[in-house]
PDB file of N, CA and C in Angstrom:
ATOM      1  N   MET A   1      59.236 -30.875   1.705  1.00  0.00           N
ATOM      2  CA  MET A   1      58.824 -29.528   1.586  1.00  0.00           C
ATOM      3  C   MET A   1      60.101 -28.562   1.190  1.00  0.00           C
ATOM      4  N   GLY A   2      59.772 -27.997   0.200  1.00  0.00           N
ATOM      5  CA  GLY A   2      61.230 -26.816  -0.232  1.00  0.00           C
ATOM      6  C   GLY A   2      61.399 -25.947   0.661  1.00  0.00           C
ATOM      7  N   THR A   3      62.551 -25.108   0.345  1.00  0.00           N
ATOM      8  CA  THR A   3      63.026 -24.266   0.890  1.00  0.00           C
ATOM      9  C   THR A   3      62.135 -23.137   0.828  1.00  0.00           C
ATOM     10  N   LYS A   4      61.766 -22.368   1.734  1.00  0.00           N
ATOM     11  CA  LYS A   4      61.435 -20.750   1.490  1.00  0.00           C
ATOM     12  C   LYS A   4      62.077 -19.730   1.507  1.00  0.00           C
ATOM     13  N   PHE A   5      62.525 -19.334   0.465  1.00  0.00           N
ATOM     14  CA  PHE A   5      63.840 -18.491   0.544  1.00  0.00           C
ATOM     15  C   PHE A   5      63.025 -16.755   1.623  1.00  0.00           C
ATOM     16  N   ARG A   6      63.734 -16.073   1.800  1.00  0.00           N
ATOM     17  CA  ARG A   6      63.552 -14.556   2.421  1.00  0.00           C
ATOM     18  C   ARG A   6      63.460 -13.813   1.706  1.00  0.00           C
ATOM     19  N   HIS A   7      64.348 -13.946   0.587  1.00  0.00           N
ATOM     20  CA  HIS A   7      64.298 -12.908  -0.474  1.00  0.00           C
ATOM     21  C   HIS A   7      64.735 -13.906  -1.538  1.00  0.00           C
ATOM     22  N   HIS A   8      63.860 -13.814  -3.102  1.00  0.00           N
ATOM     23  CA  HIS A   8      64.240 -14.228  -4.522  1.00  0.00           C
ATOM     24  C   HIS A   8      63.882 -13.574  -4.879  1.00  0.00           C
ATOM     25  N   MET A   9      65.520 -13.077  -5.768  1.00  0.00           N
ATOM     26  CA  MET A   9      65.596 -11.962  -6.889  1.00  0.00           C
ATOM     27  C   MET A   9      65.466 -12.701  -8.115  1.00  0.00           C
ATOM     28  N   PHE A  10      64.671 -12.259  -8.974  1.00  0.00           N
ATOM     29  CA  PHE A  10      65.261 -12.826 -10.651  1.00  0.00           C
ATOM     30  C   PHE A  10      65.282 -11.412 -11.290  1.00  0.00           C
ATOM     31  N   ILE A  11      66.693 -11.243 -12.176  1.00  0.00           N
ATOM     32  CA  ILE A  11      66.794 -10.984 -13.664  1.00  0.00           C
ATOM     33  C   ILE A  11      66.886 -11.437 -14.894  1.00  0.00           C
ATOM     34  N   CYS A  12      66.264 -10.448 -15.230  1.00  0.00           N
ATOM     35  CA  CYS A  12      66.255 -11.285 -16.707  1.00  0.00           C
ATOM     36  C   CYS A  12      66.927 -11.410 -17.922  1.00  0.00           C
ATOM     37  N   ALA A  13      66.858 -12.636 -17.979  1.00  0.00           N
ATOM     38  CA  ALA A  13      68.435 -13.103 -19.138  1.00  0.00           C
ATOM     39  C   ALA A  13      67.612 -12.940 -20.716  1.00  0.00           C
ATOM     40  N   HIS A  14      66.642 -12.622 -20.737  1.00  0.00           N
ATOM     41  CA  HIS A  14      65.648 -13.009 -21.766  1.00  0.00           C
ATOM     42  C   HIS A  14      66.837 -12.341 -23.293  1.00  0.00           C
ATOM     43  N   GLU A  15      66.688 -13.181 -24.459  1.00  0.00           N
ATOM     44  CA  GLU A  15      67.258 -12.869 -25.395  1.00  0.00           C
ATOM     45  C   GLU A  15      66.285 -12.589 -27.024  1.00  0.00           C
ATOM     46  N   ARG A  16      66.552 -12.005 -27.355  1.00  0.00           N
ATOM     47  CA  ARG A  16      65.980 -11.889 -28.812  1.00  0.00           C
ATOM     48  C   ARG A  16      66.985 -11.702 -30.123  1.00  0.00           C
ATOM     49  N   PRO A  17      66.586 -11.675 -30.931  1.00  0.00           N
ATOM     50  CA  PRO A  17      67.499 -12.101 -32.576  1.00  0.00           C
ATOM     51  C   PRO A  17      68.281 -10.511 -32.220  1.00  0.00           C
ATOM     52  N   VAL A  18      69.240 -10.033 -32.918  1.00  0.00           N
ATOM     53  CA  VAL A  18      69.678  -8.376 -33.113  1.00  0.00           C
ATOM     54  C   VAL A  18      68.835  -7.857 -34.088  1.00  0.00           C
ATOM     55  N   ASP A  19      68.078  -8.499 -34.549  1.00  0.00           N
ATOM     56  CA  ASP A  19      67.244  -7.891 -35.971  1.00  0.00           C
ATOM     57  C   ASP A  19      65.669  -7.445 -34.872  1.00  0.00           C
ATOM     58  N   ALA A  20      65.629  -7.728 -33.956  1.00  0.00           N
ATOM     59  CA  ALA A  20      64.283  -8.113 -33.238  1.00  0.00           C
ATOM     60  C   ALA A  20      63.684  -7.101 -33.306  1.00  0.00           C
ATOM     61  N   ALA A  21      62.585  -6.646 -33.137  1.00  0.00           N
ATOM     62  CA  ALA A  21      61.706  -5.215 -33.223  1.00  0.00           C
ATOM     63  C   ALA A  21      61.744  -4.662 -31.552  1.00  0.00           C
ATOM     64  N   ARG A  22      62.223  -5.731 -30.477  1.00  0.00           N
ATOM     65  CA  ARG A  22      61.849  -4.981 -29.393  1.00  0.00           C
ATOM     66  C   ARG A  22      63.416  -5.154 -28.371  1.00  0.00           C
ATOM     67  N   GLU A  23      64.075  -4.731 -27.900  1.00  0.00           N
ATOM     68  CA  GLU A  23      65.308  -4.945 -27.024  1.00  0.00           C
ATOM     69  C   GLU A  23      65.160  -5.898 -26.098  1.00  0.00           C
ATOM     70  N   CYS A  24      66.207  -6.548 -25.563  1.00  0.00           N
ATOM     71  CA  CYS A  24      66.060  -7.614 -24.862  1.00  0.00           C
ATOM     72  C   CYS A  24      67.262  -7.506 -23.695  1.00  0.00           C
ATOM     73  N   CYS A  25      67.195  -7.752 -22.562  1.00  0.00           N
ATOM     74  CA  CYS A  25      67.824  -7.517 -21.381  1.00  0.00           C
ATOM     75  C   CYS A  25      69.006  -7.942 -21.533  1.00  0.00           C
ATOM     76  N   ALA A  26      69.008  -9.301 -21.952  1.00  0.00           N
ATOM     77  CA  ALA A  26      70.584  -9.853 -22.147  1.00  0.00           C
ATOM     78  C   ALA A  26      71.759  -9.431 -23.067  1.00  0.00           C
ATOM     79  N   ALA A  27      71.479  -8.964 -23.863  1.00  0.00           N
ATOM     80  CA  ALA A  27      72.183  -7.620 -24.688  1.00  0.00           C
ATOM     81  C   ALA A  27      72.795  -6.750 -24.199  1.00  0.00           C
ATOM     82  N   LYS A  28      72.076  -6.125 -22.367  1.00  0.00           N
ATOM     83  CA  LYS A  28      72.744  -5.289 -21.701  1.00  0.00           C
ATOM     84  C   LYS A  28      73.341  -5.708 -20.797  1.00  0.00           C
ATOM     85  N   GLY A  29      74.025  -6.964 -20.905  1.00  0.00           N
ATOM     86  CA  GLY A  29      74.692  -7.577 -20.126  1.00  0.00           C
ATOM     87  C   GLY A  29      74.029  -8.065 -18.573  1.00  0.00           C
ATOM     88  N   SER A  30      72.654  -8.862 -18.806  1.00  0.00           N
ATOM     89  CA  SER A  30      71.792  -8.957 -17.939  1.00  0.00           C
ATOM     90  C   SER A  30      72.247 -10.032 -17.141  1.00  0.00           C
ATOM     91  N   LEU A  31      72.692 -11.177 -17.506  1.00  0.00           N
ATOM     92  CA  LEU A  31      73.310 -12.670 -17.211  1.00  0.00           C
ATOM     93  C   LEU A  31      74.832 -12.324 -16.607  1.00  0.00           C
ATOM     94  N   GLU A  32      75.697 -11.459 -17.018  1.00  0.00           N
ATOM     95  CA  GLU A  32      76.940 -11.148 -16.377  1.00  0.00           C
ATOM     96  C   GLU A  32      76.495 -10.303 -15.266  1.00  0.00           C
ATOM     97  N   LEU A  33      75.148  -9.502 -15.311  1.00  0.00           N
ATOM     98  CA  LEU A  33      75.386  -8.964 -13.693  1.00  0.00           C
ATOM     99  C   LEU A  33      74.432  -9.727 -12.355  1.00  0.00           C
ATOM    100  N   MET A  34      73.885 -10.531 -12.938  1.00  0.00           N
ATOM    101  CA  MET A  34      72.918 -11.723 -12.153  1.00  0.00           C
ATOM    102  C   MET A  34      74.278 -12.844 -11.720  1.00  0.00           C
ATOM    103  N   LYS A  35      75.007 -12.950 -11.991  1.00  0.00           N
ATOM    104  CA  LYS A  35      75.860 -13.612 -12.089  1.00  0.00           C
ATOM    105  C   LYS A  35      76.999 -12.991 -10.881  1.00  0.00           C
ATOM    106  N   ALA A  36      77.362 -11.649 -11.225  1.00  0.00           N
ATOM    107  CA  ALA A  36      77.627 -10.898 -10.071  1.00  0.00           C
ATOM    108  C   ALA A  36      77.335 -10.763  -9.098  1.00  0.00           C
ATOM    109  N   VAL A  37      76.258 -10.392  -8.660  1.00  0.00           N
ATOM    110  CA  VAL A  37      74.994 -10.299  -7.536  1.00  0.00           C
ATOM    111  C   VAL A  37      75.115 -11.482  -6.986  1.00  0.00           C
ATOM    112  N   LYS A  38      74.787 -13.014  -7.603  1.00  0.00           N
ATOM    113  CA  LYS A  38      74.770 -14.158  -6.955  1.00  0.00           C
ATOM    114  C   LYS A  38      76.367 -14.056  -6.471  1.00  0.00           C
ATOM    115  N   SER A  39      77.323 -14.118  -6.938  1.00  0.00           N
ATOM    116  CA  SER A  39      78.702 -14.037  -6.184  1.00  0.00           C
ATOM    117  C   SER A  39      78.864 -12.734  -5.045  1.00  0.00           C
ATOM    118  N   ALA A  40      78.596 -11.967  -5.385  1.00  0.00           N
ATOM    119  CA  ALA A  40      78.192 -10.421  -4.360  1.00  0.00           C
ATOM    120  C   ALA A  40      77.429 -11.466  -2.917  1.00  0.00           C
ATOM    121  N   ALA A  41      76.364 -12.028  -3.283  1.00  0.00           N
ATOM    122  CA  ALA A  41      75.496 -12.389  -1.956  1.00  0.00           C
ATOM    123  C   ALA A  41      76.168 -13.375  -1.757  1.00  0.00           C
ATOM    124  N   LYS A  42      77.118 -14.013  -2.252  1.00  0.00           N
ATOM    125  CA  LYS A  42      77.649 -15.477  -1.582  1.00  0.00           C
ATOM    126  C   LYS A  42      78.746 -14.715  -0.689  1.00  0.00           C
ATOM    127  N   ALA A  43      79.731 -14.333  -1.280  1.00  0.00           N
ATOM    128  CA  ALA A  43      80.787 -13.463  -0.537  1.00  0.00           C
ATOM    129  C   ALA A  43      80.377 -12.410   0.718  1.00  0.00           C
ATOM    130  N   GLU A  44      79.245 -12.085   0.968  1.00  0.00           N
ATOM    131  CA  GLU A  44      78.797 -11.195   2.163  1.00  0.00           C
ATOM    132  C   GLU A  44      77.549 -12.797   3.358  1.00  0.00           C
ATOM    133  N   SER A  45      77.919 -13.591   2.997  1.00  0.00           N
ATOM    134  CA  SER A  45      77.077 -14.741   2.985  1.00  0.00           C
ATOM    135  C   SER A  45      75.692 -14.425   3.945  1.00  0.00           C
ATOM    136  N   ILE A  46      75.024 -13.958   2.678  1.00  0.00           N
ATOM    137  CA  ILE A  46      73.290 -13.915   3.201  1.00  0.00           C
ATOM    138  C   ILE A  46      72.846 -15.311   2.705  1.00  0.00           C
ATOM    139  N   ALA A  47      72.586 -15.364   4.240  1.00  0.00           N
ATOM    140  CA  ALA A  47      71.521 -16.531   3.745  1.00  0.00           C
ATOM    141  C   ALA A  47      70.292 -16.766   3.275  1.00  0.00           C
ATOM    142  N   ASN A  48      69.762 -18.118   3.254  1.00  0.00           N
ATOM    143  CA  ASN A  48      68.281 -17.780   2.512  1.00  0.00           C
ATOM    144  C   ASN A  48      67.540 -16.758   1.794  1.00  0.00           C
ATOM    145  N   ILE A  49      68.700 -16.605   0.442  1.00  0.00           N
ATOM    146  CA  ILE A  49      68.024 -15.720  -0.455  1.00  0.00           C
ATOM    147  C   ILE A  49      68.295 -16.675  -1.660  1.00  0.00           C
ATOM    148  N   ARG A  50      67.700 -16.254  -2.816  1.00  0.00           N
ATOM    149  CA  ARG A  50      68.169 -16.814  -3.928  1.00  0.00           C
ATOM    150  C   ARG A  50      68.057 -15.760  -5.383  1.00  0.00           C
ATOM    151  N   VAL A  51      68.965 -15.863  -5.815  1.00  0.00           N
ATOM    152  CA  VAL A  51      69.079 -14.686  -7.121  1.00  0.00           C
ATOM    153  C   VAL A  51      69.687 -15.649  -8.157  1.00  0.00           C
ATOM    154  N   GLN A  52      68.553 -15.395  -9.228  1.00  0.00           N
ATOM    155  CA  GLN A  52      68.455 -16.496 -10.617  1.00  0.00           C
ATOM    156  C   GLN A  52      67.865 -15.426 -11.890  1.00  0.00           C
ATOM    157  N   LYS A  53      67.984 -16.164 -12.809  1.00  0.00           N
ATOM    158  CA  LYS A  53      68.141 -15.653 -14.280  1.00  0.00           C
ATOM    159  C   LYS A  53      66.687 -16.089 -14.306  1.00  0.00           C
ATOM    160  N   SER A  54      65.809 -15.430 -15.244  1.00  0.00           N
ATOM    161  CA  SER A  54      63.918 -15.608 -15.022  1.00  0.00           C
ATOM    162  C   SER A  54      64.107 -14.993 -16.891  1.00  0.00           C
ATOM    163  N   GLY A  55      63.496 -15.557 -17.419  1.00  0.00           N
ATOM    164  CA  GLY A  55      62.900 -15.630 -18.307  1.00  0.00           C
ATOM    165  C   GLY A  55      62.092 -14.109 -18.671  1.00  0.00           C
ATOM    166  N   CYS A  56      61.917 -13.483 -20.253  1.00  0.00           N
ATOM    167  CA  CYS A  56      61.327 -12.223 -20.023  1.00  0.00           C
ATOM    168  C   CYS A  56      60.388 -11.084 -19.219  1.00  0.00           C
ATOM    169  N   LEU A  57      60.533 -10.819 -18.577  1.00  0.00           N
ATOM    170  CA  LEU A  57      59.842  -9.657 -17.390  1.00  0.00           C
ATOM    171  C   LEU A  57      59.209  -8.410 -17.956  1.00  0.00           C
ATOM    172  N   SER A  58      59.167  -8.377 -19.554  1.00  0.00           N
ATOM    173  CA  SER A  58      58.329  -7.400 -20.013  1.00  0.00           C
ATOM    174  C   SER A  58      58.992  -5.803 -20.022  1.00  0.00           C
ATOM    175  N   ASN A  59      59.710  -5.754 -19.809  1.00  0.00           N
ATOM    176  CA  ASN A  59      60.313  -4.214 -19.681  1.00  0.00           C
ATOM    177  C   ASN A  59      61.849  -4.078 -19.979  1.00  0.00           C
ATOM    178  N   CYS A  60      61.930  -4.645 -21.276  1.00  0.00           N
ATOM    179  CA  CYS A  60      62.785  -4.583 -21.648  1.00  0.00           C
ATOM    180  C   CYS A  60      63.512  -3.753 -21.803  1.00  0.00           C
ATOM    181  N   GLU A  61      62.894  -2.745 -22.661  1.00  0.00           N
ATOM    182  CA  GLU A  61      62.735  -1.230 -23.346  1.00  0.00           C
ATOM    183  C   GLU A  61      63.764  -0.590 -22.037  1.00  0.00           C
ATOM    184  N   ASN A  62      63.192  -0.828 -20.722  1.00  0.00           N
ATOM    185  CA  ASN A  62      63.834   0.750 -19.648  1.00  0.00           C
ATOM    186  C   ASN A  62      64.902  -0.423 -19.231  1.00  0.00           C
ATOM    187  N   GLY A  63      65.721  -1.049 -19.436  1.00  0.00           N
ATOM    188  CA  GLY A  63      66.896  -1.555 -19.192  1.00  0.00           C
ATOM    189  C   GLY A  63      66.788  -2.763 -18.537  1.00  0.00           C
ATOM    190  N   ILE A  64      67.710  -3.437 -17.667  1.00  0.00           N
ATOM    191  CA  ILE A  64      67.654  -4.557 -17.403  1.00  0.00           C
ATOM    192  C   ILE A  64      67.037  -4.860 -16.270  1.00  0.00           C
ATOM    193  N   SER A  65      65.590  -5.842 -16.437  1.00  0.00           N
ATOM    194  CA  SER A  65      64.660  -5.937 -15.540  1.00  0.00           C
ATOM    195  C   SER A  65      64.850  -7.095 -14.507  1.00  0.00           C
ATOM    196  N   CYS A  66      64.540  -6.272 -13.189  1.00  0.00           N
ATOM    197  CA  CYS A  66      64.419  -7.621 -12.152  1.00  0.00           C
ATOM    198  C   CYS A  66      63.051  -7.461 -11.197  1.00  0.00           C
ATOM    199  N   VAL A  67      63.485  -8.369 -10.386  1.00  0.00           N
ATOM    200  CA  VAL A  67      62.405  -8.558  -9.456  1.00  0.00           C
ATOM    201  C   VAL A  67      62.275  -9.170  -8.177  1.00  0.00           C
ATOM    202  N   VAL A  68      62.381  -8.541  -7.167  1.00  0.00           N
ATOM    203  CA  VAL A  68      62.762  -9.285  -5.628  1.00  0.00           C
ATOM    204  C   VAL A  68      61.279  -9.582  -5.226  1.00  0.00           C
ATOM    205  N   TYR A  69      60.939 -10.735  -4.689  1.00  0.00           N
ATOM    206  CA  TYR A  69      59.811 -11.410  -3.753  1.00  0.00           C
ATOM    207  C   TYR A  69      60.423 -12.194  -2.386  1.00  0.00           C
ATOM    208  N   PRO A  70      59.612 -11.804  -1.329  1.00  0.00           N
ATOM    209  CA  PRO A  70      58.091 -11.453  -1.794  1.00  0.00           C
ATOM    210  C   PRO A  70      57.262 -10.468  -1.780  1.00  0.00           C
ATOM    211  N   GLU A  71      58.345  -9.335  -1.590  1.00  0.00           N
ATOM    212  CA  GLU A  71      57.644  -7.500  -1.799  1.00  0.00           C
ATOM    213  C   GLU A  71      57.155  -7.527  -3.095  1.00  0.00           C
ATOM    214  N   GLY A  72      57.912  -8.006  -4.494  1.00  0.00           N
ATOM    215  CA  GLY A  72      57.240  -7.552  -5.616  1.00  0.00           C
ATOM    216  C   GLY A  72      57.482  -6.350  -5.839  1.00  0.00           C
ATOM    217  N   VAL A  73      59.312  -5.913  -5.561  1.00  0.00           N
ATOM    218  CA  VAL A  73      59.832  -4.523  -5.950  1.00  0.00           C
ATOM    219  C   VAL A  73      60.258  -4.885  -7.400  1.00  0.00           C
ATOM    220  N   TRP A  74      60.014  -4.144  -8.110  1.00  0.00           N
ATOM    221  CA  TRP A  74      60.670  -4.109  -9.530  1.00  0.00           C
ATOM    222  C   TRP A  74      61.506  -3.235  -9.642  1.00  0.00           C
ATOM    223  N   TYR A  75      62.778  -3.744 -10.147  1.00  0.00           N
ATOM    224  CA  TYR A  75      63.546  -2.699 -10.499  1.00  0.00           C
ATOM    225  C   TYR A  75      64.171  -2.673 -11.504  1.00  0.00           C
ATOM    226  N   THR A  76      64.636  -1.380 -12.210  1.00  0.00           N
ATOM    227  CA  THR A  76      65.573  -1.007 -13.583  1.00  0.00           C
ATOM    228  C   THR A  76      66.530  -1.018 -12.887  1.00  0.00           C
ATOM    229  N   LEU A  77      67.753  -1.716 -14.053  1.00  0.00           N
ATOM    230  CA  LEU A  77      69.009  -1.607 -13.654  1.00  0.00           C
ATOM    231  C   LEU A  77      69.856  -1.379 -14.533  1.00  0.00           C
ATOM    232  N   THR A  78      71.269  -0.739 -14.498  1.00  0.00           N
ATOM    233  CA  THR A  78      71.552   0.144 -15.342  1.00  0.00           C
ATOM    234  C   THR A  78      73.211  -1.196 -15.337  1.00  0.00           C
ATOM    235  N   GLY A  79      73.657  -1.698 -14.326  1.00  0.00           N
ATOM    236  CA  GLY A  79      74.814  -2.713 -14.236  1.00  0.00           C
ATOM    237  C   GLY A  79      75.548  -2.543 -12.910  1.00  0.00           C
ATOM    238  N   GLU A  80      76.256  -2.864 -12.935  1.00  0.00           N
ATOM    239  CA  GLU A  80      77.066  -3.633 -11.976  1.00  0.00           C
ATOM    240  C   GLU A  80      77.104  -2.712 -10.569  1.00  0.00           C
ATOM    241  N   GLU A  81      76.979  -1.026 -10.888  1.00  0.00           N
ATOM    242  CA  GLU A  81      77.070  -0.420 -10.325  1.00  0.00           C
ATOM    243  C   GLU A  81      75.922  -0.028  -9.226  1.00  0.00           C
ATOM    244  N   ASN A  82      75.091  -1.076  -9.581  1.00  0.00           N
ATOM    245  CA  ASN A  82      73.512  -1.387  -8.918  1.00  0.00           C
ATOM    246  C   ASN A  82      73.812  -2.401  -7.825  1.00  0.00           C
ATOM    247  N   ILE A  83      74.888  -3.430  -8.005  1.00  0.00           N
ATOM    248  CA  ILE A  83      75.454  -4.166  -6.794  1.00  0.00           C
ATOM    249  C   ILE A  83      75.176  -3.926  -5.320  1.00  0.00           C
ATOM    250  N   PRO A  84      75.975  -3.056  -4.876  1.00  0.00           N
ATOM    251  CA  PRO A  84      75.706  -2.407  -3.235  1.00  0.00           C
ATOM    252  C   PRO A  84      74.145  -2.447  -3.258  1.00  0.00           C
ATOM    253  N   ASP A  85      73.052  -1.783  -4.007  1.00  0.00           N
ATOM    254  CA  ASP A  85      71.889  -1.496  -3.371  1.00  0.00           C
ATOM    255  C   ASP A  85      70.776  -3.044  -3.083  1.00  0.00           C
ATOM    256  N   LEU A  86      71.320  -3.786  -4.630  1.00  0.00           N
ATOM    257  CA  LEU A  86      70.431  -4.918  -4.445  1.00  0.00           C
ATOM    258  C   LEU A  86      71.120  -5.907  -3.029  1.00  0.00           C
ATOM    259  N   ILE A  87      72.531  -6.039  -3.258  1.00  0.00           N
ATOM    260  CA  ILE A  87      72.682  -6.693  -1.787  1.00  0.00           C
ATOM    261  C   ILE A  87      72.546  -6.094  -0.462  1.00  0.00           C
ATOM    262  N   GLU A  88      71.944  -4.714  -0.385  1.00  0.00           N
ATOM    263  CA  GLU A  88      71.416  -4.274   0.838  1.00  0.00           C
ATOM    264  C   GLU A  88      69.801  -4.679   1.100  1.00  0.00           C
ATOM    265  N   HIS A  89      69.188  -5.027  -0.005  1.00  0.00           N
ATOM    266  CA  HIS A  89      68.196  -5.402   0.079  1.00  0.00           C
ATOM    267  C   HIS A  89      67.782  -6.955   0.241  1.00  0.00           C
ATOM    268  N   LEU A  90      68.651  -7.944  -0.519  1.00  0.00           N
ATOM    269  CA  LEU A  90      68.753  -8.877   0.110  1.00  0.00           C
ATOM    270  C   LEU A  90      69.388  -9.209   1.490  1.00  0.00           C
ATOM    271  N   ARG A  91      70.224  -8.282   1.870  1.00  0.00           N
ATOM    272  CA  ARG A  91      70.072  -8.132   3.271  1.00  0.00           C
ATOM    273  C   ARG A  91      68.974  -8.038   4.380  1.00  0.00           C
ATOM    274  N   SER A  92      68.687  -6.789   4.072  1.00  0.00           N
ATOM    275  CA  SER A  92      67.935  -6.466   5.233  1.00  0.00           C
ATOM    276  C   SER A  92      66.223  -6.010   4.749  1.00  0.00           C
ATOM    277  N   GLY A  93      66.238  -6.220   3.317  1.00  0.00           N
ATOM    278  CA  GLY A  93      65.016  -5.909   2.508  1.00  0.00           C
ATOM    279  C   GLY A  93      64.518  -4.254   2.656  1.00  0.00           C
ATOM    280  N   LYS A  94      65.860  -3.408   2.417  1.00  0.00           N
ATOM    281  CA  LYS A  94      65.836  -2.109   2.523  1.00  0.00           C
ATOM    282  C   LYS A  94      65.260  -1.993   0.795  1.00  0.00           C
ATOM    283  N   VAL A  95      64.918  -1.158   0.288  1.00  0.00           N
ATOM    284  CA  VAL A  95      64.397  -0.992  -1.056  1.00  0.00           C
ATOM    285  C   VAL A  95      64.720   0.420  -1.439  1.00  0.00           C
ATOM    286  N   ALA A  96      65.942   0.361  -2.512  1.00  0.00           N
ATOM    287  CA  ALA A  96      66.192   0.869  -3.414  1.00  0.00           C
ATOM    288  C   ALA A  96      65.185   1.863  -4.424  1.00  0.00           C
ATOM    289  N   THR A  97      65.031   2.960  -3.541  1.00  0.00           N
ATOM    290  CA  THR A  97      63.873   3.429  -4.348  1.00  0.00           C
ATOM    291  C   THR A  97      64.239   4.300  -5.238  1.00  0.00           C
ATOM    292  N   HIS A  98      65.670   4.974  -5.760  1.00  0.00           N
ATOM    293  CA  HIS A  98      65.900   5.471  -6.625  1.00  0.00           C
ATOM    294  C   HIS A  98      66.040   4.468  -8.252  1.00  0.00           C
ATOM    295  N   LEU A  99      66.510   2.669  -7.871  1.00  0.00           N
ATOM    296  CA  LEU A  99      66.274   1.991  -8.791  1.00  0.00           C
ATOM    297  C   LEU A  99      64.740   1.401  -8.981  1.00  0.00           C
ATOM    298  N   LEU A 100      64.048   1.555  -8.201  1.00  0.00           N
ATOM    299  CA  LEU A 100      62.388   1.725  -9.003  1.00  0.00           C
ATOM    300  C   LEU A 100      62.340   1.726 -10.468  1.00  0.00           C
ATOM    301  N   MET A 101      61.211   0.746 -10.825  1.00  0.00           N
ATOM    302  CA  MET A 101      61.232   0.346 -11.898  1.00  0.00           C
ATOM    303  C   MET A 101      59.537   1.442 -11.919  1.00  0.00           C
ATOM    304  N   ASN A 102      59.303   2.489 -12.905  1.00  0.00           N
ATOM    305  CA  ASN A 102      58.346   3.120 -13.031  1.00  0.00           C
ATOM    306  C   ASN A 102      57.786   3.813 -11.745  1.00  0.00           C
ATOM    307  N   PRO A 103      58.450   4.139 -10.945  1.00  0.00           N
ATOM    308  CA  PRO A 103      58.526   5.486  -9.678  1.00  0.00           C
ATOM    309  C   PRO A 103      57.005   5.873  -9.830  1.00  0.00           C
ATOM    310  N   GLY A 104      56.229   5.929  -9.094  1.00  0.00           N
ATOM    311  CA  GLY A 104      54.764   6.844  -8.921  1.00  0.00           C
ATOM    312  C   GLY A 104      53.902   6.866  -9.922  1.00  0.00           C
ATOM    313  N   ALA A 105      54.727   5.659 -10.741  1.00  0.00           N
ATOM    314  CA  ALA A 105      52.989   5.322 -12.079  1.00  0.00           C
ATOM    315  C   ALA A 105      52.370   4.584 -11.544  1.00  0.00           C
TER     316      ALA A 105
END
């Protein structure tokens, strides 16, 4: 039986060609951000969580896309300044409402 994580965070690392019609999260530094979140979670010794890259989450035009399960909370990220809020979500489950993707939609 596999490990059941308390929180599982996916950060889009989808890449599109430079001349593609749509934007992509990778061009906005999503892979570097994912690695930084992962390192910060490890440094904080947050147990029973997983942070990993994902394929396209279909919201690249809004910023770096992120989803956290089991809550199914969707975030639009701008960069490393978001790490403290993401770490708090992984630690306590507290949702960073100011980072929510399409709040109120």
